């Protein structure tokens, strides 16, 4: 069974992207291209909207655990 996806893991892949401004769901998926499949699957669950900071992702994925 694969390890559970955490906010920490997603942040490791996406945090630096926010330095360039707002991101769409599509941008987030491109930014996570090197992440494991489970991370990308979680990001696919996000609504289609703009994200200006990482914490907005957590608002849309409130049940995602912080870390191990």
Foldseek 3Di string as FASTA:
>chain_A
DDDADALVLLCVQPQVVLVVFKDWLVRSLVSCVVPDPNSSVLSVQADTDIDNHSVVVCVRVVVGHHDD
